[in-house]
Structure formats: structure tokens, C-alpha cells
Amino acid sequence: MENIQKNIGDNLRSIRKNRGYSLDHVAELTGVSKAMLGQIERGDSNPTVSTLWKIARGLQISFSSLIQEESSNIMVVKHGSIIPVTESDGNYRVYSIFPFDPRKKFEIFTVEIEAGCTHVSEKHNEGLEEYITIINGELELSIGEESLHLVRGDSIRFLANKTHTYKNNTNELTTYQLVMHYP
């Protein structure tokens, strides 16, 4: 993805205009200010993961529908060519590998979480499931009141309709694959 900010802006504008929504209405639906939405649409802002999730939840769309590029029949993704969406001062990085495809109803990400980093994810749309496989390191995953410790090779599936927290309590980078399946 050569210019993720441009993709996000173009996709948000397209979704908003196709639905006939004003920036004011999108701001009401998402809890993201009209000014920030305008900056995102113009490509003047590099929104955080949390901001993109607020927009996705408010508009009831997939996360990757905001960052996807035009699709083709064959897609090879080189990790080095993907510009991640970051949060926590760059200590939490989300790489969109395969954006949402409405026919398949899923999207795939690689996530890197630095040592000592914690990322809180608000609940997602009803019915959305997350599938996670730990590639390297360890992850403490809290889903609502339940806390789970996952290590390299472990996988988990859960309904993401509760606040969930990803935490790397180790001194090393943790990497995991994340598949989000939409109902």
C-alpha cells in the first residue's frame, strides 16, 4: 500500500457519499469529530487504529474496507510494502494483509505488539469473530473478565462483542495473525 492515508480518505469519502451522509452525520454515528473526518478524507491525517475502529463501528463496515486498495484476481502481499496503522507511539502495529471481501466476509492482518505494550480494543459489531494465531512471542488476551495466556503456535477464536485487551508482558516483540470474520 503506497499511500494508506489516501486510501483511507478515498474509501471513507466514497462510503459516506454512497450513503448520502454529511460529515456531521458521520461524526454523530462514529464519535469522531467532523474536523478529524475532514482531515482523514483529505489525506491530511494518519488516523490511529482506535479512530479507524470508531469509524468502522459507527458506519457498520469492516476495518479493512477503510484501508483497502483496488482488488485483482491474484494478490501477492510483501510485508515490507505494507504501511501499518499504528497506535501507542508505534508500539502496536496493524498490517492489513488481505482486506475485507464482502463475498468471503473476512479480513486478515498481521499485528506486532512491542514488549510491555497494552492495546485496548472496544467491542466490535455484533457477531464479529476474531481468530488469532501467535507467530512469535507471548500474548495476554483479556476478553471481558476472562484472561488468557497464549504462546507461539497457540490459536484462539472469540466473539469480539466485548472490550478485549492485548498485552505483551514479555521483553520481546510478539507477532500474531488476526482473521476477522463478519456475520
Protein backbone atom coordinates (compact mmCIF):
# COMPACT_ATOMS: atom_id res chain seq x y z
CA MET A 1 0.00 0.00 0.00
CA GLU A 2 1.82 3.00 -1.25
CA ASN A 3 -0.31 5.68 0.37
CA ILE A 4 -2.51 4.34 3.13
CA GLN A 5 -3.70 7.82 4.14
CA LYS A 6 -5.01 8.42 0.62
CA ASN A 7 -6.72 5.00 0.56
CA ILE A 8 -8.40 5.67 3.90
CA GLY A 9 -9.53 9.13 2.82
CA ASP A 10 -10.84 7.99 -0.56
CA ASN A 11 -12.63 4.97 0.93
CA LEU A 12 -14.23 6.98 3.74
CA ARG A 13 -15.40 9.69 1.33
CA SER A 14 -16.79 7.06 -1.07
CA ILE A 15 -18.69 5.21 1.67
CA ARG A 16 -20.05 8.48 3.09
CA LYS A 17 -21.17 9.82 -0.30
CA ASN A 18 -22.67 6.48 -1.42
CA ARG A 19 -24.84 6.56 1.70
CA GLY A 20 -25.69 10.23 1.27
CA TYR A 21 -24.22 11.13 4.66
CA SER A 22 -22.83 14.51 5.61
CA LEU A 23 -19.64 14.81 7.67
CA ASP A 24 -21.85 15.96 10.56
CA HIS A 25 -23.92 12.77 10.35
CA VAL A 26 -20.81 10.53 10.20
CA ALA A 27 -19.42 12.41 13.21
CA GLU A 28 -22.65 11.65 15.13
CA LEU A 29 -22.57 7.97 14.16
CA THR A 30 -18.89 7.42 14.95
CA GLY A 31 -17.98 9.80 17.76
CA VAL A 32 -15.11 11.13 15.60
CA SER A 33 -15.16 14.91 15.15
CA LYS A 34 -16.24 16.45 11.87
CA ALA A 35 -12.86 18.21 11.64
CA MET A 36 -10.95 14.92 12.04
CA LEU A 37 -13.18 13.18 9.49
CA GLY A 38 -12.49 16.00 7.02
CA GLN A 39 -8.75 15.70 7.61
CA ILE A 40 -8.93 11.94 7.08
CA GLU A 41 -10.91 12.32 3.84
CA ARG A 42 -8.37 14.84 2.51
CA GLY A 43 -5.47 12.54 3.46
CA ASP A 44 -4.13 15.17 5.87
CA SER A 45 -4.33 12.89 8.92
CA ASN A 46 -2.91 9.47 9.74
CA PRO A 47 -5.70 8.10 11.97
CA THR A 48 -4.99 5.69 14.82
CA VAL A 49 -6.30 2.13 15.00
CA SER A 50 -8.84 3.25 17.61
CA THR A 51 -10.11 6.06 15.38
CA LEU A 52 -10.50 3.70 12.43
CA TRP A 53 -12.40 1.23 14.64
CA LYS A 54 -14.74 4.01 15.81
CA ILE A 55 -15.47 4.86 12.18
CA ALA A 56 -15.92 1.19 11.22
CA ARG A 57 -18.26 0.52 14.16
CA GLY A 58 -20.26 3.69 13.60
CA LEU A 59 -20.72 3.01 9.88
CA GLN A 60 -21.07 -0.76 10.46
CA ILE A 61 -18.34 -1.62 7.98
CA SER A 62 -15.20 -3.74 8.15
CA PHE A 63 -11.96 -2.20 9.37
CA SER A 64 -10.10 -3.02 6.19
CA SER A 65 -12.79 -1.51 3.96
CA LEU A 66 -11.31 1.79 5.08
CA ILE A 67 -7.75 0.91 4.02
CA GLN A 68 -8.19 -1.45 1.08
CA GLU A 69 -6.84 -0.84 -2.40
CA GLU A 70 -8.45 -1.90 -5.65
CA SER A 71 -8.60 -5.68 -5.91
CA SER A 72 -7.42 -8.13 -8.57
CA ASN A 73 -7.70 -11.89 -9.08
CA ILE A 74 -4.17 -12.58 -7.79
CA MET A 75 -2.71 -10.73 -4.88
CA VAL A 76 0.80 -11.13 -3.52
CA VAL A 77 1.47 -9.14 -0.40
CA LYS A 78 5.06 -8.29 0.53
CA HIS A 79 5.32 -7.41 4.21
CA GLY A 80 7.82 -4.63 3.50
CA SER A 81 5.37 -2.90 1.17
CA ILE A 82 2.63 -2.51 3.77
CA ILE A 83 2.47 0.67 5.81
CA PRO A 84 0.99 -0.30 9.17
CA VAL A 85 -1.66 1.55 11.08
CA THR A 86 -0.06 2.31 14.44
CA GLU A 87 -1.02 3.19 17.96
CA SER A 88 0.68 3.53 21.36
CA ASP A 89 3.57 5.57 19.94
CA GLY A 90 4.17 2.95 17.25
CA ASN A 91 4.35 0.06 19.73
CA TYR A 92 1.17 -1.53 18.34
CA ARG A 93 1.22 -2.05 14.56
CA VAL A 94 -1.54 -3.49 12.36
CA TYR A 95 -0.65 -4.62 8.83
CA SER A 96 -3.63 -5.21 6.55
CA ILE A 97 -2.69 -8.35 4.60
CA PHE A 98 -5.97 -9.19 2.89
CA PRO A 99 -8.66 -6.50 3.16
CA PHE A 100 -12.30 -7.32 3.66
CA ASP A 101 -14.02 -9.06 0.76
CA PRO A 102 -17.83 -8.98 1.10
CA ARG A 103 -18.13 -12.34 -0.69
CA LYS A 104 -15.82 -14.03 1.82
CA LYS A 105 -16.78 -11.94 4.87
CA PHE A 106 -13.30 -11.85 6.41
CA GLU A 107 -10.11 -9.83 6.53
CA ILE A 108 -6.59 -10.83 7.60
CA PHE A 109 -3.99 -8.81 9.48
CA THR A 110 -0.54 -9.29 10.96
CA VAL A 111 -0.19 -7.49 14.28
CA GLU A 112 3.05 -6.61 16.07
CA ILE A 113 2.97 -5.59 19.71
CA GLU A 114 6.18 -4.44 21.34
CA ALA A 115 7.40 -5.56 24.77
CA GLY A 116 5.37 -4.01 27.58
CA CYS A 117 2.67 -2.64 25.25
CA THR A 118 -1.05 -2.90 26.02
CA HIS A 119 -3.77 -2.24 23.45
CA VAL A 120 -7.44 -2.00 24.44
CA SER A 121 -9.94 -2.74 21.70
CA GLU A 122 -13.54 -1.65 22.23
CA LYS A 123 -16.27 -4.16 21.42
CA HIS A 124 -16.90 -4.69 17.71
CA ASN A 125 -20.14 -5.14 15.80
CA GLU A 126 -22.39 -7.95 17.00
CA GLY A 127 -21.43 -11.34 15.59
CA LEU A 128 -17.88 -10.39 14.55
CA GLU A 129 -15.40 -13.15 15.41
CA GLU A 130 -11.65 -12.84 15.82
CA TYR A 131 -9.30 -15.72 15.06
CA ILE A 132 -5.76 -15.25 16.37
CA THR A 133 -2.63 -17.38 15.95
CA ILE A 134 0.53 -16.41 17.80
CA ILE A 135 3.50 -16.41 15.40
CA ASN A 136 6.22 -15.20 17.80
CA GLY A 137 6.30 -14.30 21.47
CA GLU A 138 3.52 -14.39 24.04
CA LEU A 139 0.23 -12.56 24.40
CA GLU A 140 -2.01 -11.91 27.38
CA LEU A 141 -5.53 -11.59 25.96
CA SER A 142 -8.38 -10.38 28.14
CA ILE A 143 -11.92 -10.74 26.82
CA GLY A 144 -14.37 -9.09 29.16
CA GLU A 145 -13.47 -10.53 32.58
CA GLU A 146 -11.60 -13.58 31.24
CA SER A 147 -7.81 -13.51 30.81
CA LEU A 148 -5.86 -15.98 28.65
CA HIS A 149 -2.13 -16.51 28.18
CA LEU A 150 -1.14 -17.50 24.63
CA VAL A 151 2.30 -18.54 23.37
CA ARG A 152 3.84 -19.22 19.96
CA GLY A 153 1.67 -21.65 18.00
CA ASP A 154 -1.46 -21.12 20.13
CA SER A 155 -4.68 -20.08 18.44
CA ILE A 156 -7.97 -18.70 19.73
CA ARG A 157 -11.39 -17.81 18.34
CA PHE A 158 -13.78 -15.50 20.17
CA LEU A 159 -16.78 -13.24 19.67
CA ALA A 160 -15.42 -9.69 19.76
CA ASN A 161 -18.61 -8.14 21.17
CA LYS A 162 -16.89 -7.28 24.47
CA THR A 163 -13.97 -4.98 25.20
CA HIS A 164 -10.78 -7.01 24.75
CA THR A 165 -7.20 -6.19 25.63
CA TYR A 166 -3.98 -7.37 24.00
CA LYS A 167 -0.94 -7.20 26.27
CA ASN A 168 2.68 -8.18 25.74
CA ASN A 169 4.12 -8.77 29.22
CA THR A 170 7.45 -10.03 27.87
CA ASN A 171 10.70 -8.32 26.90
CA GLU A 172 10.37 -9.34 23.22
CA LEU A 173 8.19 -8.46 20.25
CA THR A 174 5.00 -10.50 19.88
CA THR A 175 3.59 -11.10 16.40
CA TYR A 176 0.22 -12.66 15.63
CA GLN A 177 -2.07 -13.28 12.67
CA LEU A 178 -5.58 -11.97 13.07
CA VAL A 179 -8.56 -13.03 10.97
CA MET A 180 -11.76 -11.08 11.48
CA HIS A 181 -14.91 -12.82 10.29
CA TYR A 182 -18.04 -10.71 9.80
CA PRO A 183 -21.53 -12.20 10.11
